């Protein structure tokens, strides 16, 4: 049975965007982020993270660093709220800045919808009841491309934002 989903951008939505965050020591949860994830999971939503990580392409950190941070995020969520994010999808590429195979055009870098399409492939998602929450126009463009609602977050508390958008 398909479930509604919320696709969160990471930097600037789930955590404060301090620029190229790739380690838990740099990571600071956005106020209300963990509470929002817990609430949505309890309501039956699937939760996904879709994030551009051009720091990999630029050689600032490795894909393994991104994956380790995502594992740590889920550990924190489980320890504090007994919940977890269903899957993390990230784009390590950049079209003009990068090294080796990471410097290229791709379908996964937002505003292209490849990360969302991958989640559609991996999970049974009710597209009509799903939403993208991001802090940039590229997030909204990716949502529009696949026909789901996009909410532009530019606040300080994600839970307050979510409650206001739902009412």
N, C-alpha and C. Protein backbone atom coordinates (compact mmCIF):
# COMPACT_ATOMS: atom_id res chain seq x y z
N UNK A 1 0.84 -1.18 0.00
CA UNK A 1 0.00 0.00 0.00
C UNK A 1 0.89 1.24 0.00
N UNK A 2 0.57 2.16 -0.88
CA UNK A 2 1.40 3.37 -0.98
C UNK A 2 1.19 4.28 0.22
N UNK A 3 2.26 4.98 0.55
CA UNK A 3 2.24 5.91 1.69
C UNK A 3 2.63 7.30 1.21
N UNK A 4 2.08 8.33 1.84
CA UNK A 4 2.55 9.68 1.52
C UNK A 4 3.99 9.83 2.01
N UNK A 5 4.70 10.75 1.39
CA UNK A 5 6.10 10.96 1.75
C UNK A 5 6.39 12.45 1.90
N UNK A 6 7.36 12.74 2.75
CA UNK A 6 7.93 14.08 2.81
C UNK A 6 9.39 13.95 2.44
N UNK A 7 9.78 14.74 1.45
CA UNK A 7 11.16 14.80 1.00
C UNK A 7 11.78 16.07 1.57
N UNK A 8 12.75 15.91 2.43
CA UNK A 8 13.42 17.06 3.03
C UNK A 8 14.75 17.32 2.33
N UNK A 9 14.99 18.57 1.97
CA UNK A 9 16.36 18.96 1.69
C UNK A 9 17.09 18.89 3.03
N UNK A 10 18.40 18.72 3.01
CA UNK A 10 19.11 18.57 4.28
C UNK A 10 19.62 19.92 4.80
N UNK A 11 20.64 20.46 4.16
CA UNK A 11 21.29 21.68 4.64
C UNK A 11 20.37 22.88 4.48
N UNK A 12 20.08 23.54 5.59
CA UNK A 12 19.17 24.68 5.58
C UNK A 12 17.75 24.32 5.95
N UNK A 13 17.46 23.02 6.06
CA UNK A 13 16.12 22.57 6.44
C UNK A 13 16.20 21.67 7.67
N UNK A 14 16.88 20.55 7.56
CA UNK A 14 17.03 19.66 8.71
C UNK A 14 18.17 20.11 9.62
N UNK A 15 19.15 20.76 9.04
CA UNK A 15 20.27 21.27 9.83
C UNK A 15 20.62 22.68 9.36
N UNK A 16 21.27 23.41 10.22
CA UNK A 16 21.71 24.75 9.85
C UNK A 16 22.76 24.61 8.75
N UNK A 17 22.63 25.45 7.73
CA UNK A 17 23.55 25.39 6.59
C UNK A 17 24.79 26.21 6.92
N UNK A 18 25.83 25.50 7.35
CA UNK A 18 27.09 26.14 7.71
C UNK A 18 28.11 26.02 6.58
N UNK A 19 27.70 25.48 5.45
CA UNK A 19 28.57 25.32 4.30
C UNK A 19 29.36 24.03 4.33
N UNK A 20 29.07 23.15 3.42
CA UNK A 20 29.78 21.88 3.26
C UNK A 20 29.84 21.07 4.56
N UNK A 21 28.70 20.84 5.14
CA UNK A 21 28.60 20.04 6.37
C UNK A 21 28.75 18.57 6.00
N UNK A 22 29.75 17.91 6.58
CA UNK A 22 29.96 16.49 6.28
C UNK A 22 30.35 15.67 7.51
N UNK A 23 30.39 16.28 8.67
CA UNK A 23 30.78 15.57 9.88
C UNK A 23 29.85 15.98 11.01
N UNK A 24 29.58 15.05 11.93
CA UNK A 24 28.65 15.33 13.02
C UNK A 24 29.10 16.51 13.89
N UNK A 25 30.39 16.78 13.96
CA UNK A 25 30.86 17.92 14.75
C UNK A 25 30.42 19.25 14.15
N UNK A 26 30.16 19.26 12.84
CA UNK A 26 29.70 20.46 12.16
C UNK A 26 28.18 20.56 12.13
N UNK A 27 27.52 19.49 12.42
CA UNK A 27 26.08 19.36 12.21
C UNK A 27 25.32 19.93 13.40
N UNK A 28 24.39 20.82 13.12
CA UNK A 28 23.51 21.37 14.16
C UNK A 28 22.08 21.25 13.65
N UNK A 29 21.29 20.40 14.33
CA UNK A 29 19.89 20.21 13.93
C UNK A 29 19.17 21.55 13.90
N UNK A 30 18.34 21.75 12.90
CA UNK A 30 17.46 22.91 12.85
C UNK A 30 16.43 22.74 13.97
N UNK A 31 16.13 23.81 14.72
CA UNK A 31 15.10 23.69 15.75
C UNK A 31 13.80 23.12 15.16
N UNK A 32 13.24 22.16 15.85
CA UNK A 32 11.99 21.54 15.43
C UNK A 32 12.12 20.44 14.40
N UNK A 33 13.33 20.21 13.87
CA UNK A 33 13.49 19.21 12.79
C UNK A 33 13.20 17.80 13.27
N UNK A 34 13.80 17.42 14.37
CA UNK A 34 13.60 16.05 14.86
C UNK A 34 12.15 15.81 15.26
N UNK A 35 11.54 16.80 15.87
CA UNK A 35 10.14 16.70 16.28
C UNK A 35 9.23 16.55 15.05
N UNK A 36 9.55 17.27 13.99
CA UNK A 36 8.77 17.18 12.75
C UNK A 36 8.85 15.78 12.15
N UNK A 37 10.05 15.24 12.10
CA UNK A 37 10.23 13.88 11.56
C UNK A 37 9.45 12.87 12.39
N UNK A 38 9.55 12.96 13.70
CA UNK A 38 8.81 12.05 14.59
C UNK A 38 7.30 12.17 14.36
N UNK A 39 6.80 13.39 14.30
CA UNK A 39 5.38 13.61 14.07
C UNK A 39 4.93 12.97 12.75
N UNK A 40 5.68 13.23 11.69
CA UNK A 40 5.31 12.70 10.38
C UNK A 40 5.35 11.18 10.33
N UNK A 41 6.36 10.60 10.93
CA UNK A 41 6.44 9.14 10.97
C UNK A 41 5.25 8.56 11.73
N UNK A 42 4.89 9.18 12.84
CA UNK A 42 3.73 8.73 13.61
C UNK A 42 2.44 8.86 12.82
N UNK A 43 2.40 9.81 11.89
CA UNK A 43 1.22 10.02 11.04
C UNK A 43 1.21 9.09 9.82
N UNK A 44 2.24 8.28 9.65
CA UNK A 44 2.26 7.32 8.56
C UNK A 44 3.02 7.74 7.32
N UNK A 45 3.75 8.83 7.39
CA UNK A 45 4.53 9.29 6.25
C UNK A 45 5.86 8.55 6.15
N UNK A 46 6.31 8.36 4.93
CA UNK A 46 7.69 7.96 4.69
C UNK A 46 8.51 9.24 4.65
N UNK A 47 9.73 9.17 5.16
CA UNK A 47 10.59 10.35 5.24
C UNK A 47 11.86 10.09 4.45
N UNK A 48 12.17 11.05 3.57
CA UNK A 48 13.37 10.95 2.75
C UNK A 48 14.16 12.25 2.81
N UNK A 49 15.46 12.12 2.68
CA UNK A 49 16.34 13.29 2.54
C UNK A 49 16.85 13.28 1.10
N UNK A 50 16.74 14.44 0.45
CA UNK A 50 17.28 14.62 -0.90
C UNK A 50 18.21 15.83 -0.84
N UNK A 51 19.49 15.60 -1.11
CA UNK A 51 20.46 16.67 -0.87
C UNK A 51 21.57 16.68 -1.92
N UNK A 52 21.87 17.87 -2.42
CA UNK A 52 23.05 18.06 -3.27
C UNK A 52 24.27 18.15 -2.36
N UNK A 53 25.28 17.38 -2.66
CA UNK A 53 26.52 17.39 -1.87
C UNK A 53 27.72 17.62 -2.79
N UNK A 54 27.81 18.84 -3.31
CA UNK A 54 28.88 19.16 -4.25
C UNK A 54 30.25 19.19 -3.59
N UNK A 55 30.31 19.17 -2.27
CA UNK A 55 31.60 19.07 -1.58
C UNK A 55 32.35 17.81 -1.97
N UNK A 56 31.61 16.76 -2.32
CA UNK A 56 32.25 15.54 -2.80
C UNK A 56 32.93 15.82 -4.14
N UNK A 57 32.20 16.43 -5.07
CA UNK A 57 32.76 16.75 -6.38
C UNK A 57 33.96 17.68 -6.26
N UNK A 58 33.91 18.59 -5.33
CA UNK A 58 34.99 19.57 -5.14
C UNK A 58 36.19 18.99 -4.40
N UNK A 59 36.08 17.76 -3.93
CA UNK A 59 37.18 17.13 -3.22
C UNK A 59 37.32 17.55 -1.77
N UNK A 60 36.28 18.17 -1.21
CA UNK A 60 36.33 18.63 0.18
C UNK A 60 36.09 17.49 1.17
N UNK A 61 35.35 16.49 0.73
CA UNK A 61 35.09 15.30 1.54
C UNK A 61 34.67 14.17 0.62
N UNK A 62 34.52 12.99 1.16
CA UNK A 62 34.22 11.79 0.37
C UNK A 62 32.77 11.36 0.55
N UNK A 63 32.32 10.54 -0.37
CA UNK A 63 30.96 9.99 -0.26
C UNK A 63 30.79 9.25 1.06
N UNK A 64 31.82 8.56 1.50
CA UNK A 64 31.76 7.84 2.77
C UNK A 64 31.47 8.78 3.94
N UNK A 65 31.99 10.01 3.86
CA UNK A 65 31.72 11.00 4.91
C UNK A 65 30.24 11.37 4.94
N UNK A 66 29.66 11.55 3.76
CA UNK A 66 28.22 11.86 3.67
C UNK A 66 27.41 10.70 4.24
N UNK A 67 27.76 9.50 3.85
CA UNK A 67 27.04 8.32 4.32
C UNK A 67 27.16 8.15 5.84
N UNK A 68 28.34 8.40 6.38
CA UNK A 68 28.53 8.31 7.83
C UNK A 68 27.70 9.35 8.57
N UNK A 69 27.64 10.56 8.03
CA UNK A 69 26.82 11.60 8.66
C UNK A 69 25.35 11.20 8.65
N UNK A 70 24.90 10.63 7.56
CA UNK A 70 23.49 10.21 7.48
C UNK A 70 23.19 9.07 8.46
N UNK A 71 24.11 8.15 8.61
CA UNK A 71 23.94 7.11 9.63
C UNK A 71 23.85 7.72 11.02
N UNK A 72 24.71 8.68 11.30
CA UNK A 72 24.71 9.36 12.60
C UNK A 72 23.38 10.09 12.82
N UNK A 73 22.86 10.75 11.78
CA UNK A 73 21.57 11.44 11.91
C UNK A 73 20.49 10.46 12.34
N UNK A 74 20.45 9.29 11.70
CA UNK A 74 19.43 8.30 12.06
C UNK A 74 19.66 7.75 13.47
N UNK A 75 20.91 7.60 13.87
CA UNK A 75 21.19 7.17 15.24
C UNK A 75 20.67 8.20 16.24
N UNK A 76 20.90 9.47 15.97
CA UNK A 76 20.41 10.54 16.84
C UNK A 76 18.89 10.54 16.92
N UNK A 77 18.25 10.40 15.77
CA UNK A 77 16.78 10.35 15.75
C UNK A 77 16.25 9.17 16.55
N UNK A 78 16.91 8.03 16.41
CA UNK A 78 16.45 6.86 17.14
C UNK A 78 16.67 7.02 18.64
N UNK A 79 17.83 7.51 19.02
CA UNK A 79 18.13 7.70 20.45
C UNK A 79 17.18 8.69 21.11
N UNK A 80 16.85 9.76 20.41
CA UNK A 80 16.04 10.82 21.02
C UNK A 80 14.54 10.64 20.83
N UNK A 81 14.15 10.08 19.67
CA UNK A 81 12.71 10.02 19.34
C UNK A 81 12.22 8.64 18.92
N UNK A 82 13.10 7.66 18.93
CA UNK A 82 12.72 6.30 18.52
C UNK A 82 12.11 6.28 17.12
N UNK A 83 12.72 7.04 16.21
CA UNK A 83 12.27 7.08 14.82
C UNK A 83 13.48 7.23 13.92
N UNK A 84 13.27 7.07 12.62
CA UNK A 84 14.36 7.20 11.66
C UNK A 84 13.85 7.69 10.32
N UNK A 85 14.77 8.23 9.54
CA UNK A 85 14.53 8.61 8.16
C UNK A 85 14.58 7.33 7.33
N UNK A 86 13.63 7.18 6.41
CA UNK A 86 13.55 5.94 5.63
C UNK A 86 14.72 5.77 4.67
N UNK A 87 15.13 6.84 4.02
CA UNK A 87 16.27 6.74 3.09
C UNK A 87 16.84 8.13 2.83
N UNK A 88 18.13 8.13 2.56
CA UNK A 88 18.86 9.34 2.20
C UNK A 88 19.31 9.21 0.75
N UNK A 89 19.04 10.24 -0.03
CA UNK A 89 19.49 10.30 -1.42
C UNK A 89 20.31 11.57 -1.58
N UNK A 90 21.50 11.42 -2.15
CA UNK A 90 22.35 12.59 -2.33
C UNK A 90 23.01 12.58 -3.70
N UNK A 91 23.30 13.77 -4.18
CA UNK A 91 24.01 13.92 -5.44
C UNK A 91 25.43 14.41 -5.14
N UNK A 92 26.45 13.64 -5.53
CA UNK A 92 27.83 14.03 -5.28
C UNK A 92 28.45 14.84 -6.43
N UNK A 93 27.68 15.14 -7.46
CA UNK A 93 28.21 15.74 -8.68
C UNK A 93 28.10 17.27 -8.69
N UNK A 94 28.84 17.87 -9.59
CA UNK A 94 28.69 19.29 -9.91
C UNK A 94 29.05 19.46 -11.38
N UNK A 95 28.25 20.23 -12.12
CA UNK A 95 28.50 20.33 -13.56
C UNK A 95 29.77 21.10 -13.93
N UNK A 96 30.21 22.02 -13.10
CA UNK A 96 31.37 22.83 -13.50
C UNK A 96 32.51 22.85 -12.49
N UNK A 97 32.27 22.44 -11.27
CA UNK A 97 33.32 22.42 -10.25
C UNK A 97 33.46 20.99 -9.76
N UNK A 98 34.63 20.42 -9.96
CA UNK A 98 34.79 19.07 -9.46
C UNK A 98 36.01 18.38 -10.00
N UNK A 99 36.21 17.19 -9.47
CA UNK A 99 37.35 16.38 -9.87
C UNK A 99 36.86 15.04 -10.40
N UNK A 100 37.59 14.52 -11.37
CA UNK A 100 37.30 13.20 -11.90
C UNK A 100 35.87 13.03 -12.38
N UNK A 101 35.32 11.88 -12.09
CA UNK A 101 33.98 11.53 -12.57
C UNK A 101 32.87 12.33 -11.88
N UNK A 102 33.20 13.06 -10.84
CA UNK A 102 32.19 13.85 -10.13
C UNK A 102 31.86 15.16 -10.86
N UNK A 103 32.74 15.59 -11.74
CA UNK A 103 32.49 16.83 -12.49
C UNK A 103 31.73 16.48 -13.76
N UNK A 104 30.40 16.57 -13.67
CA UNK A 104 29.58 16.21 -14.83
C UNK A 104 28.14 16.63 -14.62
N UNK A 105 27.44 16.73 -15.73
CA UNK A 105 25.98 16.90 -15.70
C UNK A 105 25.38 15.57 -15.29
N UNK A 106 24.31 15.62 -14.53
CA UNK A 106 23.66 14.39 -14.09
C UNK A 106 22.16 14.66 -13.95
N UNK A 107 21.42 13.62 -13.66
CA UNK A 107 19.98 13.75 -13.45
C UNK A 107 19.63 13.83 -11.97
N UNK A 108 20.63 13.67 -11.10
CA UNK A 108 20.32 13.64 -9.66
C UNK A 108 20.51 14.99 -8.98
N UNK A 109 21.25 15.91 -9.58
CA UNK A 109 21.48 17.20 -8.93
C UNK A 109 20.25 18.08 -9.08
N UNK A 110 19.67 18.46 -7.94
CA UNK A 110 18.52 19.36 -8.01
C UNK A 110 18.97 20.67 -8.67
N UNK A 111 18.16 21.22 -9.54
CA UNK A 111 16.71 21.08 -9.65
C UNK A 111 16.22 19.89 -10.47
N UNK A 112 17.10 19.08 -11.00
CA UNK A 112 16.63 17.88 -11.70
C UNK A 112 16.05 16.91 -10.66
N UNK A 113 15.08 16.12 -11.07
CA UNK A 113 14.32 15.32 -10.09
C UNK A 113 14.83 13.89 -9.86
N UNK A 114 16.06 13.60 -10.23
CA UNK A 114 16.55 12.23 -10.15
C UNK A 114 16.50 11.61 -8.77
N UNK A 115 16.79 12.39 -7.73
CA UNK A 115 16.76 11.85 -6.37
C UNK A 115 15.34 11.44 -5.97
N UNK A 116 14.37 12.26 -6.36
CA UNK A 116 12.98 11.94 -6.05
C UNK A 116 12.53 10.72 -6.86
N UNK A 117 12.91 10.68 -8.13
CA UNK A 117 12.57 9.52 -8.95
C UNK A 117 13.15 8.23 -8.37
N UNK A 118 14.34 8.31 -7.81
CA UNK A 118 14.94 7.12 -7.21
C UNK A 118 14.11 6.63 -6.03
N UNK A 119 13.64 7.57 -5.21
CA UNK A 119 12.77 7.19 -4.09
C UNK A 119 11.47 6.57 -4.60
N UNK A 120 10.89 7.14 -5.67
CA UNK A 120 9.68 6.56 -6.27
C UNK A 120 9.95 5.12 -6.71
N UNK A 121 11.12 4.87 -7.23
CA UNK A 121 11.49 3.52 -7.68
C UNK A 121 11.67 2.57 -6.50
N UNK A 122 12.27 3.07 -5.42
CA UNK A 122 12.62 2.22 -4.28
C UNK A 122 11.47 1.96 -3.31
N UNK A 123 10.48 2.87 -3.27
CA UNK A 123 9.39 2.79 -2.30
C UNK A 123 8.05 2.97 -2.99
N UNK A 124 7.00 2.49 -2.35
CA UNK A 124 5.63 2.66 -2.85
C UNK A 124 5.08 3.96 -2.25
N UNK A 125 5.15 5.03 -3.03
CA UNK A 125 4.84 6.37 -2.54
C UNK A 125 3.56 6.89 -3.17
N UNK A 126 2.70 7.46 -2.35
CA UNK A 126 1.49 8.15 -2.81
C UNK A 126 1.91 9.55 -3.24
N UNK A 127 2.15 9.71 -4.52
CA UNK A 127 2.69 10.97 -5.05
C UNK A 127 1.74 12.13 -4.77
N UNK A 128 0.45 11.91 -4.90
CA UNK A 128 -0.52 13.01 -4.75
C UNK A 128 -0.57 13.56 -3.33
N UNK A 129 -0.13 12.78 -2.35
CA UNK A 129 -0.18 13.22 -0.95
C UNK A 129 1.21 13.55 -0.40
N UNK A 130 2.19 13.69 -1.29
CA UNK A 130 3.57 13.92 -0.86
C UNK A 130 3.98 15.37 -1.04
N UNK A 131 5.07 15.73 -0.37
CA UNK A 131 5.54 17.12 -0.40
C UNK A 131 7.06 17.15 -0.30
N UNK A 132 7.65 18.17 -0.91
CA UNK A 132 9.08 18.47 -0.76
C UNK A 132 9.18 19.71 0.12
N UNK A 133 10.04 19.66 1.12
CA UNK A 133 10.33 20.83 1.94
C UNK A 133 11.80 21.18 1.73
N UNK A 134 12.03 22.35 1.15
CA UNK A 134 13.38 22.79 0.86
C UNK A 134 13.54 24.27 1.11
N UNK A 135 14.78 24.72 1.05
CA UNK A 135 15.06 26.13 1.31
C UNK A 135 15.53 26.88 0.08
N UNK A 136 15.53 26.23 -1.07
CA UNK A 136 16.00 26.87 -2.29
C UNK A 136 15.01 26.62 -3.43
N UNK A 137 15.06 27.51 -4.42
CA UNK A 137 14.20 27.34 -5.59
C UNK A 137 14.48 26.03 -6.31
N UNK A 138 15.71 25.55 -6.25
CA UNK A 138 16.03 24.27 -6.91
C UNK A 138 15.23 23.12 -6.30
N UNK A 139 14.96 23.19 -5.00
CA UNK A 139 14.12 22.17 -4.35
C UNK A 139 12.69 22.24 -4.88
N UNK A 140 12.19 23.48 -5.02
CA UNK A 140 10.82 23.67 -5.51
C UNK A 140 10.71 23.23 -6.96
N UNK A 141 11.74 23.50 -7.75
CA UNK A 141 11.74 23.08 -9.16
C UNK A 141 11.73 21.56 -9.29
N UNK A 142 12.48 20.88 -8.44
CA UNK A 142 12.49 19.41 -8.47
C UNK A 142 11.11 18.86 -8.12
N UNK A 143 10.46 19.46 -7.13
CA UNK A 143 9.11 19.03 -6.75
C UNK A 143 8.14 19.23 -7.91
N UNK A 144 8.21 20.40 -8.51
CA UNK A 144 7.31 20.72 -9.63
C UNK A 144 7.51 19.75 -10.79
N UNK A 145 8.75 19.40 -11.04
CA UNK A 145 9.09 18.50 -12.15
C UNK A 145 8.41 17.14 -12.02
N UNK A 146 8.21 16.67 -10.79
CA UNK A 146 7.58 15.36 -10.58
C UNK A 146 6.11 15.48 -10.18
N UNK A 147 5.60 16.71 -10.10
CA UNK A 147 4.18 16.91 -9.84
C UNK A 147 3.77 16.79 -8.39
N UNK A 148 4.68 17.11 -7.47
CA UNK A 148 4.29 17.12 -6.06
C UNK A 148 4.46 18.53 -5.50
N UNK A 149 3.80 18.77 -4.40
CA UNK A 149 3.81 20.07 -3.76
C UNK A 149 5.19 20.39 -3.19
N UNK A 150 5.60 21.63 -3.33
CA UNK A 150 6.85 22.08 -2.73
C UNK A 150 6.58 23.19 -1.73
N UNK A 151 7.19 23.09 -0.57
CA UNK A 151 7.08 24.13 0.47
C UNK A 151 8.46 24.73 0.70
N UNK A 152 8.57 26.03 0.52
CA UNK A 152 9.83 26.73 0.69
C UNK A 152 10.01 27.15 2.15
N UNK A 153 10.97 26.54 2.81
CA UNK A 153 11.25 26.81 4.23
C UNK A 153 12.33 27.88 4.32
N UNK A 154 11.98 28.97 4.98
CA UNK A 154 12.96 30.03 5.20
C UNK A 154 12.84 30.55 6.63
N UNK A 155 12.45 29.65 7.50
CA UNK A 155 12.22 30.03 8.88
C UNK A 155 13.33 29.58 9.79
N UNK A 156 13.01 29.57 11.05
CA UNK A 156 13.98 29.18 12.08
C UNK A 156 13.57 27.90 12.79
N UNK A 157 12.30 27.55 12.75
CA UNK A 157 11.83 26.36 13.46
C UNK A 157 11.00 25.52 12.49
N UNK A 158 11.48 24.34 12.16
CA UNK A 158 10.84 23.50 11.15
C UNK A 158 9.47 23.01 11.61
N UNK A 159 9.32 22.69 12.88
CA UNK A 159 8.03 22.20 13.36
C UNK A 159 6.97 23.30 13.28
N UNK A 160 7.31 24.50 13.70
CA UNK A 160 6.37 25.62 13.59
C UNK A 160 5.98 25.86 12.13
N UNK A 161 6.95 25.80 11.24
CA UNK A 161 6.70 25.97 9.81
C UNK A 161 5.72 24.90 9.32
N UNK A 162 5.99 23.66 9.68
CA UNK A 162 5.15 22.55 9.22
C UNK A 162 3.72 22.69 9.73
N UNK A 163 3.57 23.00 11.00
CA UNK A 163 2.23 23.15 11.58
C UNK A 163 1.47 24.27 10.87
N UNK A 164 2.13 25.38 10.59
CA UNK A 164 1.48 26.49 9.90
C UNK A 164 1.10 26.13 8.47
N UNK A 165 1.93 25.36 7.78
CA UNK A 165 1.63 24.97 6.40
C UNK A 165 0.46 23.98 6.35
N UNK A 166 0.35 23.14 7.33
CA UNK A 166 -0.72 22.13 7.34
C UNK A 166 -2.08 22.72 7.70
N UNK A 167 -2.09 23.81 8.42
CA UNK A 167 -3.38 24.36 8.88
C UNK A 167 -4.01 25.27 7.85
